[in-house]
């Protein structure tokens, strides 16, 4: 599935090196076409609850999923390393 730029998505996997967890919400800021036989990827920008950018990460397409209307967003405290 190709996602549009600036679409909000959820992570499907934890990214412990970035302090991010499955279910965290991010915004797509760039699409990376995979080489033949390679999976496409995306660069994501992650914001805190008040809209400040906290990190930018690049992931494979299989590591993200669309948000749906039957999901509820919630907050959690960021690890020190991310702040």
C-alpha atoms as a PDB file:
ATOM      1  CA  UNK A   1       0.000   0.000   0.000  1.00  0.00           C
ATOM      2  CA  UNK A   2       1.418   3.376  -0.933  1.00  0.00           C
ATOM      3  CA  UNK A   3       0.678   6.090   1.630  1.00  0.00           C
ATOM      4  CA  UNK A   4       0.283   9.754   0.755  1.00  0.00           C
ATOM      5  CA  UNK A   5       2.729  12.320   2.125  1.00  0.00           C
ATOM      6  CA  UNK A   6       1.654  13.970   5.407  1.00  0.00           C
ATOM      7  CA  UNK A   7      -0.636  11.059   6.294  1.00  0.00           C
ATOM      8  CA  UNK A   8      -0.684  10.144   9.976  1.00  0.00           C
ATOM      9  CA  UNK A   9       0.062   6.463  10.586  1.00  0.00           C
ATOM     10  CA  UNK A  10       0.756   4.136  13.514  1.00  0.00           C
ATOM     11  CA  UNK A  11       3.889   2.107  14.027  1.00  0.00           C
ATOM     12  CA  UNK A  12       3.358  -1.662  13.848  1.00  0.00           C
ATOM     13  CA  UNK A  13       6.686  -2.440  15.513  1.00  0.00           C
ATOM     14  CA  UNK A  14       8.706  -1.093  18.424  1.00  0.00           C
ATOM     15  CA  UNK A  15      11.725   1.052  17.543  1.00  0.00           C
ATOM     16  CA  UNK A  16      13.603   0.881  20.868  1.00  0.00           C
ATOM     17  CA  UNK A  17      16.659   2.688  19.491  1.00  0.00           C
ATOM     18  CA  UNK A  18      14.361   5.717  19.001  1.00  0.00           C
ATOM     19  CA  UNK A  19      12.257   5.257  22.148  1.00  0.00           C
ATOM     20  CA  UNK A  20       9.194   4.510  20.020  1.00  0.00           C
ATOM     21  CA  UNK A  21       6.625   1.751  20.507  1.00  0.00           C
ATOM     22  CA  UNK A  22       4.108  -0.053  18.378  1.00  0.00           C
ATOM     23  CA  UNK A  23       0.985   2.120  18.215  1.00  0.00           C
ATOM     24  CA  UNK A  24       2.836   5.439  18.383  1.00  0.00           C
ATOM     25  CA  UNK A  25       1.534   7.907  15.799  1.00  0.00           C
ATOM     26  CA  UNK A  26       3.790   9.609  13.243  1.00  0.00           C
ATOM     27  CA  UNK A  27       3.445  11.641  10.045  1.00  0.00           C
ATOM     28  CA  UNK A  28       4.838  10.503   6.690  1.00  0.00           C
ATOM     29  CA  UNK A  29       7.205  13.109   5.280  1.00  0.00           C
ATOM     30  CA  UNK A  30       8.941  11.151   2.511  1.00  0.00           C
ATOM     31  CA  UNK A  31       8.409   7.983   0.464  1.00  0.00           C
ATOM     32  CA  UNK A  32      11.375   5.794  -0.581  1.00  0.00           C
ATOM     33  CA  UNK A  33      10.858   3.504  -3.546  1.00  0.00           C
ATOM     34  CA  UNK A  34      12.556   0.160  -2.998  1.00  0.00           C
ATOM     35  CA  UNK A  35      14.963  -1.254  -5.517  1.00  0.00           C
ATOM     36  CA  UNK A  36      13.759  -4.336  -7.414  1.00  0.00           C
ATOM     37  CA  UNK A  37      13.031  -6.994  -4.818  1.00  0.00           C
ATOM     38  CA  UNK A  38      13.249  -4.485  -1.956  1.00  0.00           C
ATOM     39  CA  UNK A  39      10.454  -3.183   0.205  1.00  0.00           C
ATOM     40  CA  UNK A  40       9.489   0.488  -0.072  1.00  0.00           C
ATOM     41  CA  UNK A  41      10.113   2.710   2.933  1.00  0.00           C
ATOM     42  CA  UNK A  42       9.032   5.963   4.531  1.00  0.00           C
ATOM     43  CA  UNK A  43      10.585   8.750   6.527  1.00  0.00           C
ATOM     44  CA  UNK A  44       8.371   9.654   9.467  1.00  0.00           C
ATOM     45  CA  UNK A  45       8.311  12.686  11.728  1.00  0.00           C
ATOM     46  CA  UNK A  46       7.165  12.032  15.286  1.00  0.00           C
ATOM     47  CA  UNK A  47       5.635  14.793  17.392  1.00  0.00           C
ATOM     48  CA  UNK A  48       4.953  15.040  21.114  1.00  0.00           C
ATOM     49  CA  UNK A  49       1.482  15.758  22.505  1.00  0.00           C
ATOM     50  CA  UNK A  50       1.863  19.525  22.074  1.00  0.00           C
ATOM     51  CA  UNK A  51       3.014  19.356  18.447  1.00  0.00           C
ATOM     52  CA  UNK A  52       6.788  19.675  18.871  1.00  0.00           C
ATOM     53  CA  UNK A  53       8.911  17.512  16.594  1.00  0.00           C
ATOM     54  CA  UNK A  54      10.862  14.963  18.638  1.00  0.00           C
ATOM     55  CA  UNK A  55      12.464  12.706  16.046  1.00  0.00           C
ATOM     56  CA  UNK A  56      12.614  11.706  12.397  1.00  0.00           C
ATOM     57  CA  UNK A  57      12.986   8.023  11.512  1.00  0.00           C
ATOM     58  CA  UNK A  58      13.040   5.912   8.364  1.00  0.00           C
ATOM     59  CA  UNK A  59      11.116   2.634   8.354  1.00  0.00           C
ATOM     60  CA  UNK A  60      10.043  -0.128   6.004  1.00  0.00           C
ATOM     61  CA  UNK A  61       6.457  -0.045   4.746  1.00  0.00           C
ATOM     62  CA  UNK A  62       5.682  -3.232   6.701  1.00  0.00           C
ATOM     63  CA  UNK A  63       6.476  -1.369   9.948  1.00  0.00           C
ATOM     64  CA  UNK A  64       3.551   1.052   9.625  1.00  0.00           C
ATOM     65  CA  UNK A  65      -0.227   0.841   9.334  1.00  0.00           C
ATOM     66  CA  UNK A  66      -3.037   3.291   8.635  1.00  0.00           C
ATOM     67  CA  UNK A  67      -5.076   4.824  11.434  1.00  0.00           C
ATOM     68  CA  UNK A  68      -8.733   3.830  11.546  1.00  0.00           C
ATOM     69  CA  UNK A  69     -11.870   5.464  12.925  1.00  0.00           C
ATOM     70  CA  UNK A  70     -12.333   2.783  15.576  1.00  0.00           C
ATOM     71  CA  UNK A  71      -8.981   3.517  17.265  1.00  0.00           C
ATOM     72  CA  UNK A  72      -8.401   5.778  20.246  1.00  0.00           C
ATOM     73  CA  UNK A  73      -5.234   7.827  20.741  1.00  0.00           C
ATOM     74  CA  UNK A  74      -3.640   8.028  24.199  1.00  0.00           C
ATOM     75  CA  UNK A  75      -0.524   9.584  25.743  1.00  0.00           C
ATOM     76  CA  UNK A  76       2.536   8.151  27.441  1.00  0.00           C
ATOM     77  CA  UNK A  77       5.697   9.658  28.873  1.00  0.00           C
ATOM     78  CA  UNK A  78       8.672   9.750  26.525  1.00  0.00           C
ATOM     79  CA  UNK A  79      11.885   8.065  27.605  1.00  0.00           C
ATOM     80  CA  UNK A  80      14.589  10.547  28.668  1.00  0.00           C
ATOM     81  CA  UNK A  81      16.743   9.609  25.681  1.00  0.00           C
ATOM     82  CA  UNK A  82      14.111  10.894  23.246  1.00  0.00           C
ATOM     83  CA  UNK A  83      13.457  14.263  24.868  1.00  0.00           C
END
